[in-house]
Amino acid sequence: MCLAIPGKIEYIEAALDETFRLANVSFGGVKRKVNLSMVPEAKVGDYVLVHVGVAISVVNEEEAQKTMEYLTQIGELDELNPA
């Protein structure tokens, strides 16, 4: 099964041009580098759905929070934050 996880853009780390940008994204405290090429409109503070290291869409905060709650309940986020 493929899974996209919502995260919040904390800052845009690198930009080769207007299309290719890398950002630090927080997934409930776990931070990862994410490619923003598919969401050129994304900016710091936005929530994005991320699949295999690439942001695939911008989502609103409420939707992102609900999705994170559901994923936590079913244990899908255990791999992100190993104990």
PDB file of N, CA and C in Angstrom:
ATOM      1  N   MET A   1       0.845  -1.182   0.000  1.00  0.00           N
ATOM      2  CA  MET A   1       0.000   0.000   0.000  1.00  0.00           C
ATOM      3  C   MET A   1       0.886   1.240   0.000  1.00  0.00           C
ATOM      4  N   CYS A   2       0.509   2.223  -0.779  1.00  0.00           N
ATOM      5  CA  CYS A   2       1.214   3.506  -0.813  1.00  0.00           C
ATOM      6  C   CYS A   2       0.569   4.440   0.199  1.00  0.00           C
ATOM      7  N   LEU A   3       1.402   5.239   0.834  1.00  0.00           N
ATOM      8  CA  LEU A   3       0.908   6.113   1.877  1.00  0.00           C
ATOM      9  C   LEU A   3       1.569   7.474   1.751  1.00  0.00           C
ATOM     10  N   ALA A   4       0.771   8.521   1.762  1.00  0.00           N
ATOM     11  CA  ALA A   4       1.281   9.889   1.797  1.00  0.00           C
ATOM     12  C   ALA A   4       1.006  10.423   3.196  1.00  0.00           C
ATOM     13  N   ILE A   5       2.009  11.042   3.785  1.00  0.00           N
ATOM     14  CA  ILE A   5       1.912  11.525   5.159  1.00  0.00           C
ATOM     15  C   ILE A   5       1.977  13.050   5.167  1.00  0.00           C
ATOM     16  N   PRO A   6       1.089  13.709   5.929  1.00  0.00           N
ATOM     17  CA  PRO A   6       1.136  15.167   5.988  1.00  0.00           C
ATOM     18  C   PRO A   6       2.246  15.660   6.906  1.00  0.00           C
ATOM     19  N   GLY A   7       2.867  16.746   6.505  1.00  0.00           N
ATOM     20  CA  GLY A   7       3.893  17.380   7.323  1.00  0.00           C
ATOM     21  C   GLY A   7       3.878  18.877   7.083  1.00  0.00           C
ATOM     22  N   LYS A   8       4.505  19.609   7.991  1.00  0.00           N
ATOM     23  CA  LYS A   8       4.528  21.068   7.910  1.00  0.00           C
ATOM     24  C   LYS A   8       5.901  21.541   7.452  1.00  0.00           C
ATOM     25  N   ILE A   9       5.913  22.408   6.450  1.00  0.00           N
ATOM     26  CA  ILE A   9       7.171  22.963   5.957  1.00  0.00           C
ATOM     27  C   ILE A   9       7.711  23.935   6.997  1.00  0.00           C
ATOM     28  N   GLU A  10       8.903  23.631   7.523  1.00  0.00           N
ATOM     29  CA  GLU A  10       9.526  24.518   8.510  1.00  0.00           C
ATOM     30  C   GLU A  10      10.396  25.572   7.839  1.00  0.00           C
ATOM     31  N   TYR A  11      11.171  25.165   6.866  1.00  0.00           N
ATOM     32  CA  TYR A  11      11.918  26.134   6.073  1.00  0.00           C
ATOM     33  C   TYR A  11      12.368  25.505   4.766  1.00  0.00           C
ATOM     34  N   ILE A  12      12.557  26.371   3.793  1.00  0.00           N
ATOM     35  CA  ILE A  12      13.029  25.915   2.492  1.00  0.00           C
ATOM     36  C   ILE A  12      14.542  26.022   2.519  1.00  0.00           C
ATOM     37  N   GLU A  13      15.164  24.877   2.403  1.00  0.00           N
ATOM     38  CA  GLU A  13      16.607  24.760   2.610  1.00  0.00           C
ATOM     39  C   GLU A  13      17.422  25.130   1.378  1.00  0.00           C
ATOM     40  N   ALA A  14      16.989  24.682   0.220  1.00  0.00           N
ATOM     41  CA  ALA A  14      17.776  24.900  -0.985  1.00  0.00           C
ATOM     42  C   ALA A  14      16.845  25.082  -2.171  1.00  0.00           C
ATOM     43  N   ALA A  15      17.290  25.885  -3.116  1.00  0.00           N
ATOM     44  CA  ALA A  15      16.522  26.082  -4.338  1.00  0.00           C
ATOM     45  C   ALA A  15      17.493  26.251  -5.496  1.00  0.00           C
ATOM     46  N   LEU A  16      17.447  25.327  -6.434  1.00  0.00           N
ATOM     47  CA  LEU A  16      18.278  25.457  -7.626  1.00  0.00           C
ATOM     48  C   LEU A  16      17.655  26.454  -8.605  1.00  0.00           C
ATOM     49  N   ASP A  17      16.316  26.492  -8.604  1.00  0.00           N
ATOM     50  CA  ASP A  17      15.564  27.430  -9.431  1.00  0.00           C
ATOM     51  C   ASP A  17      14.159  27.510  -8.852  1.00  0.00           C
ATOM     52  N   GLU A  18      13.205  28.076  -9.584  1.00  0.00           N
ATOM     53  CA  GLU A  18      11.846  28.225  -9.060  1.00  0.00           C
ATOM     54  C   GLU A  18      11.123  26.890  -8.908  1.00  0.00           C
ATOM     55  N   THR A  19      11.575  25.877  -9.635  1.00  0.00           N
ATOM     56  CA  THR A  19      10.914  24.573  -9.599  1.00  0.00           C
ATOM     57  C   THR A  19      11.538  23.625  -8.601  1.00  0.00           C
ATOM     58  N   PHE A  20      12.857  23.467  -8.627  1.00  0.00           N
ATOM     59  CA  PHE A  20      13.506  22.487  -7.758  1.00  0.00           C
ATOM     60  C   PHE A  20      13.899  23.127  -6.435  1.00  0.00           C
ATOM     61  N   ARG A  21      13.144  22.739  -5.392  1.00  0.00           N
ATOM     62  CA  ARG A  21      13.411  23.246  -4.044  1.00  0.00           C
ATOM     63  C   ARG A  21      13.374  22.089  -3.066  1.00  0.00           C
ATOM     64  N   LEU A  22      14.205  22.161  -2.044  1.00  0.00           N
ATOM     65  CA  LEU A  22      14.183  21.202  -0.939  1.00  0.00           C
ATOM     66  C   LEU A  22      13.756  21.928   0.316  1.00  0.00           C
ATOM     67  N   ALA A  23      12.961  21.243   1.135  1.00  0.00           N
ATOM     68  CA  ALA A  23      12.486  21.852   2.373  1.00  0.00           C
ATOM     69  C   ALA A  23      12.681  20.892   3.527  1.00  0.00           C
ATOM     70  N   ASN A  24      12.810  21.433   4.717  1.00  0.00           N
ATOM     71  CA  ASN A  24      12.741  20.635   5.936  1.00  0.00           C
ATOM     72  C   ASN A  24      11.285  20.607   6.353  1.00  0.00           C
ATOM     73  N   VAL A  25      10.754  19.405   6.491  1.00  0.00           N
ATOM     74  CA  VAL A  25       9.347  19.218   6.821  1.00  0.00           C
ATOM     75  C   VAL A  25       9.255  18.436   8.123  1.00  0.00           C
ATOM     76  N   SER A  26       8.370  18.871   9.009  1.00  0.00           N
ATOM     77  CA  SER A  26       8.165  18.212  10.295  1.00  0.00           C
ATOM     78  C   SER A  26       6.912  17.345  10.242  1.00  0.00           C
ATOM     79  N   PHE A  27       7.096  16.093  10.639  1.00  0.00           N
ATOM     80  CA  PHE A  27       5.988  15.131  10.726  1.00  0.00           C
ATOM     81  C   PHE A  27       5.775  14.826  12.194  1.00  0.00           C
ATOM     82  N   GLY A  28       5.077  15.707  12.883  1.00  0.00           N
ATOM     83  CA  GLY A  28       4.845  15.502  14.308  1.00  0.00           C
ATOM     84  C   GLY A  28       6.135  15.454  15.111  1.00  0.00           C
ATOM     85  N   GLY A  29       7.110  16.258  14.740  1.00  0.00           N
ATOM     86  CA  GLY A  29       8.374  16.313  15.457  1.00  0.00           C
ATOM     87  C   GLY A  29       9.519  15.604  14.752  1.00  0.00           C
ATOM     88  N   VAL A  30       9.214  14.663  13.878  1.00  0.00           N
ATOM     89  CA  VAL A  30      10.243  13.990  13.090  1.00  0.00           C
ATOM     90  C   VAL A  30      10.473  14.835  11.847  1.00  0.00           C
ATOM     91  N   LYS A  31      11.733  15.207  11.598  1.00  0.00           N
ATOM     92  CA  LYS A  31      12.034  16.097  10.485  1.00  0.00           C
ATOM     93  C   LYS A  31      12.737  15.351   9.361  1.00  0.00           C
ATOM     94  N   ARG A  32      12.332  15.668   8.134  1.00  0.00           N
ATOM     95  CA  ARG A  32      12.911  15.054   6.947  1.00  0.00           C
ATOM     96  C   ARG A  32      13.062  16.104   5.845  1.00  0.00           C
ATOM     97  N   LYS A  33      14.013  15.866   4.943  1.00  0.00           N
ATOM     98  CA  LYS A  33      14.154  16.702   3.752  1.00  0.00           C
ATOM     99  C   LYS A  33      13.153  16.222   2.704  1.00  0.00           C
ATOM    100  N   VAL A  34      12.475  17.162   2.069  1.00  0.00           N
ATOM    101  CA  VAL A  34      11.418  16.834   1.111  1.00  0.00           C
ATOM    102  C   VAL A  34      11.598  17.668  -0.152  1.00  0.00           C
ATOM    103  N   ASN A  35      11.400  17.039  -1.295  1.00  0.00           N
ATOM    104  CA  ASN A  35      11.457  17.707  -2.582  1.00  0.00           C
ATOM    105  C   ASN A  35      10.115  18.392  -2.839  1.00  0.00           C
ATOM    106  N   LEU A  36      10.142  19.673  -3.186  1.00  0.00           N
ATOM    107  CA  LEU A  36       8.920  20.455  -3.418  1.00  0.00           C
ATOM    108  C   LEU A  36       8.611  20.677  -4.902  1.00  0.00           C
ATOM    109  N   SER A  37       9.280  19.960  -5.791  1.00  0.00           N
ATOM    110  CA  SER A  37       9.118  20.193  -7.239  1.00  0.00           C
ATOM    111  C   SER A  37       7.681  20.073  -7.724  1.00  0.00           C
ATOM    112  N   MET A  38       6.896  19.183  -7.118  1.00  0.00           N
ATOM    113  CA  MET A  38       5.519  18.980  -7.578  1.00  0.00           C
ATOM    114  C   MET A  38       4.531  19.996  -6.995  1.00  0.00           C
ATOM    115  N   VAL A  39       4.987  20.791  -6.034  1.00  0.00           N
ATOM    116  CA  VAL A  39       4.114  21.805  -5.418  1.00  0.00           C
ATOM    117  C   VAL A  39       4.841  23.154  -5.400  1.00  0.00           C
ATOM    118  N   PRO A  40       5.012  23.766  -6.574  1.00  0.00           N
ATOM    119  CA  PRO A  40       5.766  25.022  -6.636  1.00  0.00           C
ATOM    120  C   PRO A  40       5.129  26.153  -5.829  1.00  0.00           C
ATOM    121  N   GLU A  41       3.846  26.024  -5.531  1.00  0.00           N
ATOM    122  CA  GLU A  41       3.155  27.057  -4.753  1.00  0.00           C
ATOM    123  C   GLU A  41       3.387  26.939  -3.247  1.00  0.00           C
ATOM    124  N   ALA A  42       3.961  25.838  -2.795  1.00  0.00           N
ATOM    125  CA  ALA A  42       4.156  25.598  -1.354  1.00  0.00           C
ATOM    126  C   ALA A  42       5.135  26.607  -0.764  1.00  0.00           C
ATOM    127  N   LYS A  43       4.826  27.019   0.467  1.00  0.00           N
ATOM    128  CA  LYS A  43       5.682  27.986   1.158  1.00  0.00           C
ATOM    129  C   LYS A  43       5.838  27.578   2.625  1.00  0.00           C
ATOM    130  N   VAL A  44       6.743  28.225   3.315  1.00  0.00           N
ATOM    131  CA  VAL A  44       6.984  27.949   4.728  1.00  0.00           C
ATOM    132  C   VAL A  44       5.670  28.106   5.498  1.00  0.00           C
ATOM    133  N   GLY A  45       5.383  27.119   6.354  1.00  0.00           N
ATOM    134  CA  GLY A  45       4.153  27.127   7.138  1.00  0.00           C
ATOM    135  C   GLY A  45       3.037  26.300   6.537  1.00  0.00           C
ATOM    136  N   ASP A  46       3.144  25.971   5.255  1.00  0.00           N
ATOM    137  CA  ASP A  46       2.131  25.135   4.609  1.00  0.00           C
ATOM    138  C   ASP A  46       2.265  23.683   5.054  1.00  0.00           C
ATOM    139  N   TYR A  47       1.150  22.972   4.980  1.00  0.00           N
ATOM    140  CA  TYR A  47       1.145  21.526   5.187  1.00  0.00           C
ATOM    141  C   TYR A  47       1.107  20.864   3.826  1.00  0.00           C
ATOM    142  N   VAL A  48       1.926  19.829   3.663  1.00  0.00           N
ATOM    143  CA  VAL A  48       1.987  19.112   2.396  1.00  0.00           C
ATOM    144  C   VAL A  48       1.851  17.617   2.639  1.00  0.00           C
ATOM    145  N   LEU A  49       1.284  16.913   1.661  1.00  0.00           N
ATOM    146  CA  LEU A  49       1.261  15.455   1.696  1.00  0.00           C
ATOM    147  C   LEU A  49       2.539  14.975   1.026  1.00  0.00           C
ATOM    148  N   VAL A  50       3.264  14.088   1.713  1.00  0.00           N
ATOM    149  CA  VAL A  50       4.566  13.633   1.230  1.00  0.00           C
ATOM    150  C   VAL A  50       4.526  12.132   0.981  1.00  0.00           C
ATOM    151  N   HIS A  51       4.981  11.753  -0.202  1.00  0.00           N
ATOM    152  CA  HIS A  51       5.082  10.340  -0.576  1.00  0.00           C
ATOM    153  C   HIS A  51       6.502  10.103  -1.083  1.00  0.00           C
ATOM    154  N   VAL A  52       7.194   9.166  -0.482  1.00  0.00           N
ATOM    155  CA  VAL A  52       8.584   8.803  -0.793  1.00  0.00           C
ATOM    156  C   VAL A  52       9.490  10.017  -0.997  1.00  0.00           C
ATOM    157  N   GLY A  53       9.396  10.981  -0.087  1.00  0.00           N
ATOM    158  CA  GLY A  53      10.294  12.129  -0.100  1.00  0.00           C
ATOM    159  C   GLY A  53       9.911  13.266  -1.018  1.00  0.00           C
ATOM    160  N   VAL A  54       8.729  13.175  -1.636  1.00  0.00           N
ATOM    161  CA  VAL A  54       8.274  14.224  -2.539  1.00  0.00           C
ATOM    162  C   VAL A  54       6.907  14.725  -2.076  1.00  0.00           C
ATOM    163  N   ALA A  55       6.794  16.044  -1.932  1.00  0.00           N
ATOM    164  CA  ALA A  55       5.492  16.634  -1.595  1.00  0.00           C
ATOM    165  C   ALA A  55       4.614  16.555  -2.839  1.00  0.00           C
ATOM    166  N   ILE A  56       3.421  15.965  -2.689  1.00  0.00           N
ATOM    167  CA  ILE A  56       2.555  15.773  -3.854  1.00  0.00           C
ATOM    168  C   ILE A  56       1.351  16.705  -3.869  1.00  0.00           C
ATOM    169  N   SER A  57       1.047  17.343  -2.736  1.00  0.00           N
ATOM    170  CA  SER A  57      -0.030  18.338  -2.720  1.00  0.00           C
ATOM    171  C   SER A  57       0.044  19.147  -1.432  1.00  0.00           C
ATOM    172  N   VAL A  58      -0.540  20.332  -1.495  1.00  0.00           N
ATOM    173  CA  VAL A  58      -0.667  21.192  -0.317  1.00  0.00           C
ATOM    174  C   VAL A  58      -2.039  20.925   0.275  1.00  0.00           C
ATOM    175  N   VAL A  59      -2.112  20.770   1.602  1.00  0.00           N
ATOM    176  CA  VAL A  59      -3.385  20.517   2.284  1.00  0.00           C
ATOM    177  C   VAL A  59      -3.553  21.528   3.408  1.00  0.00           C
ATOM    178  N   ASN A  60      -4.798  21.695   3.854  1.00  0.00           N
ATOM    179  CA  ASN A  60      -5.009  22.633   4.956  1.00  0.00           C
ATOM    180  C   ASN A  60      -4.635  21.971   6.287  1.00  0.00           C
ATOM    181  N   GLU A  61      -4.416  22.791   7.285  1.00  0.00           N
ATOM    182  CA  GLU A  61      -3.938  22.302   8.584  1.00  0.00           C
ATOM    183  C   GLU A  61      -4.910  21.320   9.226  1.00  0.00           C
ATOM    184  N   GLU A  62      -6.199  21.604   9.141  1.00  0.00           N
ATOM    185  CA  GLU A  62      -7.196  20.724   9.760  1.00  0.00           C
ATOM    186  C   GLU A  62      -7.149  19.322   9.147  1.00  0.00           C
ATOM    187  N   GLU A  63      -7.081  19.260   7.833  1.00  0.00           N
ATOM    188  CA  GLU A  63      -6.998  17.969   7.146  1.00  0.00           C
ATOM    189  C   GLU A  63      -5.713  17.230   7.535  1.00  0.00           C
ATOM    190  N   ALA A  64      -4.609  17.969   7.610  1.00  0.00           N
ATOM    191  CA  ALA A  64      -3.328  17.362   7.985  1.00  0.00           C
ATOM    192  C   ALA A  64      -3.389  16.787   9.397  1.00  0.00           C
ATOM    193  N   GLN A  65      -3.957  17.530  10.339  1.00  0.00           N
ATOM    194  CA  GLN A  65      -4.045  17.070  11.728  1.00  0.00           C
ATOM    195  C   GLN A  65      -4.921  15.821  11.845  1.00  0.00           C
ATOM    196  N   LYS A  66      -6.050  15.816  11.155  1.00  0.00           N
ATOM    197  CA  LYS A  66      -6.941  14.648  11.189  1.00  0.00           C
ATOM    198  C   LYS A  66      -6.231  13.411  10.638  1.00  0.00           C
ATOM    199  N   THR A  67      -5.545  13.591   9.530  1.00  0.00           N
ATOM    200  CA  THR A  67      -4.839  12.467   8.918  1.00  0.00           C
ATOM    201  C   THR A  67      -3.766  11.928   9.854  1.00  0.00           C
ATOM    202  N   MET A  68      -2.999  12.826  10.489  1.00  0.00           N
ATOM    203  CA  MET A  68      -1.962  12.381  11.435  1.00  0.00           C
ATOM    204  C   MET A  68      -2.585  11.616  12.606  1.00  0.00           C
ATOM    205  N   GLU A  69      -3.737  12.066  13.094  1.00  0.00           N
ATOM    206  CA  GLU A  69      -4.413  11.368  14.191  1.00  0.00           C
ATOM    207  C   GLU A  69      -4.812   9.958  13.770  1.00  0.00           C
ATOM    208  N   TYR A  70      -5.391   9.829  12.586  1.00  0.00           N
ATOM    209  CA  TYR A  70      -5.799   8.506  12.095  1.00  0.00           C
ATOM    210  C   TYR A  70      -4.595   7.589  11.925  1.00  0.00           C
ATOM    211  N   LEU A  71      -3.524   8.106  11.336  1.00  0.00           N
ATOM    212  CA  LEU A  71      -2.332   7.289  11.115  1.00  0.00           C
ATOM    213  C   LEU A  71      -1.698   6.852  12.436  1.00  0.00           C
ATOM    214  N   THR A  72      -1.736   7.726  13.419  1.00  0.00           N
ATOM    215  CA  THR A  72      -1.214   7.381  14.752  1.00  0.00           C
ATOM    216  C   THR A  72      -2.062   6.280  15.377  1.00  0.00           C
ATOM    217  N   GLN A  73      -3.380   6.397  15.261  1.00  0.00           N
ATOM    218  CA  GLN A  73      -4.281   5.406  15.846  1.00  0.00           C
ATOM    219  C   GLN A  73      -4.083   4.015  15.265  1.00  0.00           C
ATOM    220  N   ILE A  74      -3.804   3.944  13.968  1.00  0.00           N
ATOM    221  CA  ILE A  74      -3.652   2.627  13.359  1.00  0.00           C
ATOM    222  C   ILE A  74      -2.194   2.154  13.337  1.00  0.00           C
ATOM    223  N   GLY A  75      -1.306   2.943  13.921  1.00  0.00           N
ATOM    224  CA  GLY A  75       0.083   2.517  14.070  1.00  0.00           C
ATOM    225  C   GLY A  75       0.952   2.683  12.837  1.00  0.00           C
ATOM    226  N   GLU A  76       0.494   3.442  11.846  1.00  0.00           N
ATOM    227  CA  GLU A  76       1.256   3.614  10.610  1.00  0.00           C
ATOM    228  C   GLU A  76       2.453   4.537  10.758  1.00  0.00           C
ATOM    229  N   LEU A  77       2.511   5.311  11.847  1.00  0.00           N
ATOM    230  CA  LEU A  77       3.624   6.250  12.009  1.00  0.00           C
ATOM    231  C   LEU A  77       4.747   5.688  12.875  1.00  0.00           C
ATOM    232  N   ASP A  78       4.616   4.453  13.309  1.00  0.00           N
ATOM    233  CA  ASP A  78       5.633   3.845  14.164  1.00  0.00           C
ATOM    234  C   ASP A  78       7.012   3.825  13.504  1.00  0.00           C
ATOM    235  N   GLU A  79       7.052   3.626  12.184  1.00  0.00           N
ATOM    236  CA  GLU A  79       8.328   3.584  11.472  1.00  0.00           C
ATOM    237  C   GLU A  79       9.027   4.917  11.431  1.00  0.00           C
ATOM    238  N   LEU A  80       8.263   6.009  11.465  1.00  0.00           N
ATOM    239  CA  LEU A  80       8.861   7.341  11.429  1.00  0.00           C
ATOM    240  C   LEU A  80       9.630   7.659  12.698  1.00  0.00           C
ATOM    241  N   ASN A  81       9.148   7.181  13.813  1.00  0.00           N
ATOM    242  CA  ASN A  81       9.715   7.558  15.096  1.00  0.00           C
ATOM    243  C   ASN A  81       9.988   6.323  15.934  1.00  0.00           C
ATOM    244  N   PRO A  82      11.003   5.522  15.577  1.00  0.00           N
ATOM    245  CA  PRO A  82      11.265   4.307  16.327  1.00  0.00           C
ATOM    246  C   PRO A  82      11.703   4.612  17.755  1.00  0.00           C
ATOM    247  N   ALA A  83      11.265   3.778  18.677  1.00  0.00           N
ATOM    248  CA  ALA A  83      11.560   3.984  20.112  1.00  0.00           C
ATOM    249  C   ALA A  83      12.957   3.564  20.470  1.00  0.00           C
TER     250      ALA A  83
END
